[in-house]
Amino acid sequence: MEIKSLSSTNFETIFKGFSRAFADYEMQLNSEQLQAMLKRRGFNPDLSFAAFEGSEIVSFTFNGIGNFNGIPTAYDTGTGTLKTHRGKGLATKIFEHAIPFLREATVKQYLLEVLQHNEKAVSVYRNLGFEVSREFNYFIVENEKIKNLDNKYAVEQIDMRQLVSVSGFWDFYPSWQNSFESIQRVSENFIVLGVFIEKQLVGYSVFEPSSGDVTQMAVDKSHRRKGIATSLFHEISKRNKNSTTRFINTDISCQTITDFLQSKNIDVTGKQFEMIRKI
């Protein structure tokens, strides 16, 4: 068995390894979906690593490289091991193999998200020196259950460049996959919607119609509780091409978004830890 980077590995081999590793998981992605996910999350094959048996991948970690809160960061965009090779510590070996290469690339921290109920994975990451930086909720709802959404405001499709000053709307900093840096890598897949009052942007959302993924939705603090978010959600539900709508990685400390979604009878589906380790 050999651990090496994916710099010279073709995508067909990567996809095969990914599919085999997650064959017994509920999550399944086709080739195009995996490519889109990796691109959005900044996948860098030179700084991603896998354990090979011959030409076959048996365990891997796909790393995205970028900036997070202004810090050069590696992001674990996918870690998996074939069922036949689990329990051998391969994910740990791959991580330890990667660290010197990440340091050489001037990466300063390693970031990941993990389901809170996956206690085994959480324990592994803690043993590797990761610490919890935030807790996230995620919400996934069948579109047929989204009903009675009022539409008090005109909602326009806008250009992402019109969002240059919206950070003041935020109650929390977006997670890696929901950041503008990630969205812009595959901007052609996203729709940006805005609500204006007297030509001033007062609320916006960014979502991916093919997946139903709402990556950002925020309202100017001085215009909240007026139905702006509901109007945005109404337009999202009209344009969504997926059978579900997904709000992934909303900060657990942000009661505003939780209350808003629960007011639409959308309850928390699960929770994740965001974890960081300095390199």
Protein backbone atom coordinates (compact mmCIF):
# COMPACT_ATOMS: atom_id res chain seq x y z
CA MET A 1 0.00 0.00 0.00
CA GLU A 2 1.26 3.47 -0.91
CA ILE A 3 0.09 6.90 0.21
CA LYS A 4 0.60 9.62 -2.38
CA SER A 5 -0.95 12.80 -3.76
CA LEU A 6 -3.68 12.79 -6.37
CA SER A 7 -1.75 15.14 -8.66
CA SER A 8 -1.39 12.54 -11.42
CA THR A 9 -4.59 10.57 -10.76
CA ASN A 10 -7.34 10.83 -13.38
CA PHE A 11 -10.84 11.79 -12.34
CA GLU A 12 -12.28 8.40 -13.31
CA THR A 13 -10.09 6.73 -10.65
CA ILE A 14 -10.98 9.42 -8.10
CA PHE A 15 -14.69 9.01 -8.77
CA LYS A 16 -14.45 5.23 -8.54
CA GLY A 17 -12.68 5.46 -5.19
CA PHE A 18 -15.23 7.97 -3.89
CA SER A 19 -18.20 5.87 -5.03
CA ARG A 20 -16.80 2.66 -3.50
CA ALA A 21 -16.02 4.39 -0.20
CA PHE A 22 -19.54 5.78 0.11
CA ALA A 23 -21.39 2.81 -1.38
CA ASP A 24 -23.03 2.01 1.96
CA TYR A 25 -23.88 5.63 2.78
CA GLU A 26 -27.13 7.44 2.10
CA MET A 27 -25.20 10.17 0.28
CA GLN A 28 -24.61 9.27 -3.37
CA LEU A 29 -23.20 11.59 -6.04
CA ASN A 30 -22.82 11.00 -9.74
CA SER A 31 -19.69 12.02 -11.64
CA GLU A 32 -20.95 15.51 -12.55
CA GLN A 33 -22.16 16.20 -9.01
CA LEU A 34 -18.81 15.17 -7.54
CA GLN A 35 -16.92 17.37 -9.98
CA ALA A 36 -19.14 20.34 -9.10
CA MET A 37 -18.74 19.71 -5.37
CA LEU A 38 -14.96 19.47 -5.59
CA LYS A 39 -14.68 22.60 -7.74
CA ARG A 40 -16.90 24.60 -5.39
CA ARG A 41 -14.87 23.56 -2.36
CA GLY A 42 -11.52 24.38 -3.96
CA PHE A 43 -10.22 20.84 -4.50
CA ASN A 44 -6.47 20.80 -5.07
CA PRO A 45 -5.24 17.38 -6.31
CA ASP A 46 -1.60 18.28 -5.60
CA LEU A 47 -2.42 18.67 -1.90
CA SER A 48 -4.97 15.85 -1.68
CA PHE A 49 -3.83 12.35 -0.77
CA ALA A 50 -4.95 8.74 -0.97
CA ALA A 51 -3.86 5.25 -0.01
CA PHE A 52 -3.49 3.06 -3.10
CA GLU A 53 -3.41 -0.68 -3.57
CA GLY A 54 -1.97 -0.95 -7.03
CA SER A 55 -3.89 1.56 -9.12
CA GLU A 56 -6.99 1.48 -6.88
CA ILE A 57 -7.83 4.06 -4.21
CA VAL A 58 -8.81 2.43 -0.91
CA SER A 59 -8.81 5.54 1.32
CA PHE A 60 -8.58 9.25 0.58
CA THR A 61 -8.86 12.83 1.75
CA PHE A 62 -9.78 15.48 -0.80
CA ASN A 63 -8.42 18.86 0.31
CA GLY A 64 -9.70 22.23 -0.78
CA ILE A 65 -7.21 25.09 -0.54
CA GLY A 66 -8.16 28.73 -0.05
CA ASN A 67 -8.57 31.43 2.56
CA PHE A 68 -10.89 31.32 5.56
CA ASN A 69 -11.27 34.45 7.67
CA GLY A 70 -8.17 35.72 5.86
CA ILE A 71 -6.03 32.71 6.83
CA PRO A 72 -4.54 30.28 4.25
CA THR A 73 -6.54 27.13 4.92
CA ALA A 74 -6.89 23.50 3.88
CA TYR A 75 -10.46 22.22 3.97
CA ASP A 76 -11.35 18.55 4.20
CA THR A 77 -13.87 18.41 1.37
CA GLY A 78 -14.23 14.62 1.57
CA THR A 79 -12.66 11.74 3.47
CA GLY A 80 -13.58 8.14 2.84
CA THR A 81 -12.34 4.57 3.16
CA LEU A 82 -13.52 1.40 1.50
CA LYS A 83 -15.59 -0.70 3.88
CA THR A 84 -13.08 -3.57 3.58
CA HIS A 85 -10.26 -1.29 4.75
CA ARG A 86 -11.89 0.49 7.66
CA GLY A 87 -10.58 0.19 11.20
CA LYS A 88 -6.94 0.26 10.05
CA GLY A 89 -6.26 3.92 10.77
CA LEU A 90 -5.81 4.83 7.10
CA ALA A 91 -7.52 8.22 7.40
CA THR A 92 -5.14 9.15 10.22
CA LYS A 93 -2.11 7.99 8.22
CA ILE A 94 -3.21 10.02 5.21
CA PHE A 95 -3.74 13.11 7.37
CA GLU A 96 -0.31 12.77 8.98
CA HIS A 97 1.26 12.25 5.54
CA ALA A 98 -0.40 15.44 4.26
CA ILE A 99 0.70 17.84 7.02
CA PRO A 100 4.30 18.43 5.83
CA PHE A 101 3.08 19.14 2.29
CA LEU A 102 0.45 21.58 3.57
CA ARG A 103 3.05 23.38 5.69
CA GLU A 104 5.34 23.64 2.68
CA ALA A 105 2.44 25.22 0.76
CA THR A 106 2.19 27.85 3.58
CA VAL A 107 -1.20 26.58 4.73
CA LYS A 108 -1.76 27.73 8.31
CA GLN A 109 -4.79 25.77 9.43
CA TYR A 110 -6.91 22.73 8.62
CA LEU A 111 -10.69 23.03 8.63
CA LEU A 112 -13.46 20.46 8.48
CA GLU A 113 -17.07 19.76 9.37
CA VAL A 114 -18.30 16.53 10.90
CA LEU A 115 -21.71 15.25 11.90
CA GLN A 116 -22.05 15.45 15.65
CA HIS A 117 -23.63 12.00 15.90
CA ASN A 118 -20.59 10.47 14.15
CA GLU A 119 -18.84 10.08 17.49
CA LYS A 120 -16.09 7.85 16.11
CA ALA A 121 -15.02 10.45 13.54
CA VAL A 122 -15.25 13.27 16.10
CA SER A 123 -12.98 11.28 18.42
CA VAL A 124 -10.45 10.67 15.64
CA TYR A 125 -10.31 14.37 14.79
CA ARG A 126 -9.92 15.36 18.44
CA ASN A 127 -7.02 12.92 18.75
CA LEU A 128 -5.43 14.59 15.70
CA GLY A 129 -5.52 17.93 17.47
CA PHE A 130 -8.71 19.44 16.05
CA GLU A 131 -10.82 21.66 18.26
CA VAL A 132 -14.46 22.63 17.84
CA SER A 133 -14.70 26.19 16.55
CA ARG A 134 -18.47 26.34 15.95
CA GLU A 135 -21.60 24.22 15.99
CA PHE A 136 -23.93 24.18 13.00
CA ASN A 137 -27.52 23.16 12.39
CA TYR A 138 -28.68 21.89 9.04
CA PHE A 139 -32.20 21.78 7.67
CA ILE A 140 -33.42 19.62 4.79
CA VAL A 141 -37.09 19.75 3.83
CA GLU A 142 -39.16 18.18 1.06
CA ASN A 143 -40.45 20.95 -1.17
CA GLU A 144 -43.99 19.61 -1.04
CA LYS A 145 -44.00 20.48 2.68
CA ILE A 146 -43.20 24.15 2.04
CA LYS A 147 -46.58 25.87 1.96
CA ASN A 148 -48.27 29.21 2.56
CA LEU A 149 -45.27 31.41 1.83
CA ASP A 150 -46.35 35.04 1.57
CA ASN A 151 -44.85 37.21 -1.12
CA LYS A 152 -45.11 40.84 -0.01
CA TYR A 153 -42.10 42.11 -1.95
CA ALA A 154 -40.84 42.06 -5.52
CA VAL A 155 -37.84 39.73 -5.73
CA GLU A 156 -35.27 40.36 -8.46
CA GLN A 157 -32.52 38.20 -9.85
CA ILE A 158 -29.35 40.23 -9.39
CA ASP A 159 -25.63 40.05 -10.07
CA MET A 160 -23.33 38.75 -7.35
CA ARG A 161 -21.31 41.95 -7.66
CA GLN A 162 -24.23 43.74 -6.02
CA LEU A 163 -23.44 41.91 -2.76
CA VAL A 164 -20.14 43.67 -2.05
CA SER A 165 -21.37 45.24 1.21
CA VAL A 166 -23.79 42.66 2.60
CA SER A 167 -21.55 41.34 5.39
CA GLY A 168 -23.29 43.87 7.64
CA PHE A 169 -26.48 41.81 7.17
CA TRP A 170 -24.84 38.70 8.62
CA ASP A 171 -25.28 37.26 12.09
CA PHE A 172 -22.40 34.82 11.50
CA TYR A 173 -19.57 34.25 9.06
CA PRO A 174 -20.50 31.66 6.38
CA SER A 175 -18.92 28.21 6.49
CA TRP A 176 -16.30 27.24 3.91
CA GLN A 177 -18.71 25.77 1.37
CA ASN A 178 -21.13 28.69 1.76
CA SER A 179 -18.53 31.45 1.48
CA PHE A 180 -18.37 33.82 -1.48
CA GLU A 181 -14.98 32.32 -2.37
CA SER A 182 -16.59 28.88 -2.77
CA ILE A 183 -19.70 30.16 -4.53
CA GLN A 184 -17.68 32.13 -7.06
CA ARG A 185 -15.73 29.03 -8.11
CA VAL A 186 -18.97 27.71 -9.67
CA SER A 187 -20.96 30.93 -9.92
CA GLU A 188 -22.71 29.67 -13.06
CA ASN A 189 -24.56 27.13 -10.90
CA PHE A 190 -26.06 29.72 -8.55
CA ILE A 191 -28.90 32.24 -8.64
CA VAL A 192 -28.70 35.45 -6.60
CA LEU A 193 -31.97 37.06 -5.54
CA GLY A 194 -32.51 40.46 -3.97
CA VAL A 195 -35.24 42.60 -2.43
CA PHE A 196 -34.98 46.38 -2.76
CA ILE A 197 -36.73 49.18 -0.90
CA GLU A 198 -36.30 52.61 -2.46
CA LYS A 199 -33.53 51.18 -4.65
CA GLN A 200 -31.59 49.96 -1.62
CA LEU A 201 -30.81 46.25 -1.22
CA VAL A 202 -32.41 45.11 2.04
CA GLY A 203 -32.29 41.32 1.67
CA TYR A 204 -30.72 38.68 -0.55
CA SER A 205 -30.25 34.98 -1.05
CA VAL A 206 -27.82 32.81 -2.99
CA PHE A 207 -28.95 29.31 -3.91
CA GLU A 208 -28.20 26.44 -6.27
CA PRO A 209 -31.37 25.32 -8.09
CA SER A 210 -29.98 21.90 -9.09
CA SER A 211 -29.31 20.86 -5.47
CA GLY A 212 -31.78 23.08 -3.62
CA ASP A 213 -28.85 24.34 -1.56
CA VAL A 214 -29.46 27.78 -0.01
CA THR A 215 -25.93 28.91 0.76
CA GLN A 216 -26.72 32.40 2.02
CA MET A 217 -29.87 34.30 2.97
CA ALA A 218 -29.74 37.50 4.99
CA VAL A 219 -31.78 40.63 5.65
CA ASP A 220 -30.60 44.08 6.69
CA LYS A 221 -31.03 44.19 10.47
CA SER A 222 -33.12 47.37 10.25
CA HIS A 223 -35.62 45.68 7.90
CA ARG A 224 -36.22 42.37 9.64
CA ARG A 225 -39.59 40.90 10.62
CA LYS A 226 -41.27 42.53 7.65
CA GLY A 227 -41.61 39.45 5.43
CA ILE A 228 -38.51 40.03 3.29
CA ALA A 229 -36.95 36.62 4.06
CA THR A 230 -40.30 34.95 3.41
CA SER A 231 -40.53 36.61 -0.01
CA LEU A 232 -37.02 35.41 -0.83
CA PHE A 233 -37.92 31.89 0.31
CA HIS A 234 -41.08 32.01 -1.81
CA GLU A 235 -39.01 32.82 -4.91
CA ILE A 236 -36.46 30.10 -4.06
CA SER A 237 -39.25 27.52 -3.82
CA LYS A 238 -40.52 28.56 -7.28
CA ARG A 239 -37.10 28.27 -8.92
CA ASN A 240 -35.84 25.18 -7.09
CA LYS A 241 -35.30 22.23 -9.44
CA ASN A 242 -34.56 19.75 -6.65
CA SER A 243 -37.14 17.86 -4.61
CA THR A 244 -35.69 19.28 -1.38
CA THR A 245 -34.52 22.61 -0.02
CA ARG A 246 -31.33 22.57 2.08
CA PHE A 247 -29.98 25.07 4.58
CA ILE A 248 -26.59 23.64 5.54
CA ASN A 249 -24.24 25.01 8.23
CA THR A 250 -26.32 27.65 9.95
CA ASP A 251 -24.58 28.74 13.15
CA ILE A 252 -26.33 27.21 16.15
CA SER A 253 -25.93 30.51 18.00
CA CYS A 254 -27.99 32.32 15.34
CA GLN A 255 -31.50 31.93 16.71
CA THR A 256 -32.85 34.23 13.99
CA ILE A 257 -32.48 31.71 11.14
CA THR A 258 -33.63 28.82 13.34
CA ASP A 259 -36.76 30.70 14.40
CA PHE A 260 -37.46 31.75 10.82
CA LEU A 261 -37.27 28.21 9.46
CA GLN A 262 -39.24 26.73 12.34
CA SER A 263 -41.93 29.34 11.71
CA LYS A 264 -42.25 27.66 8.30
CA ASN A 265 -42.56 24.25 10.05
CA ILE A 266 -39.00 23.32 9.07
CA ASP A 267 -37.22 21.68 11.99
CA VAL A 268 -33.53 21.01 12.52
CA THR A 269 -32.51 17.87 10.62
CA GLY A 270 -29.12 17.44 12.30
CA LYS A 271 -26.05 19.12 13.73
CA GLN A 272 -22.40 19.41 12.77
CA PHE A 273 -19.18 20.51 14.40
CA GLU A 274 -16.86 22.86 12.57
CA MET A 275 -13.36 21.90 13.72
CA ILE A 276 -9.99 23.57 13.16
CA ARG A 277 -6.40 22.54 13.76
CA LYS A 278 -3.45 24.86 13.40
CA ILE A 279 -0.70 23.59 11.12
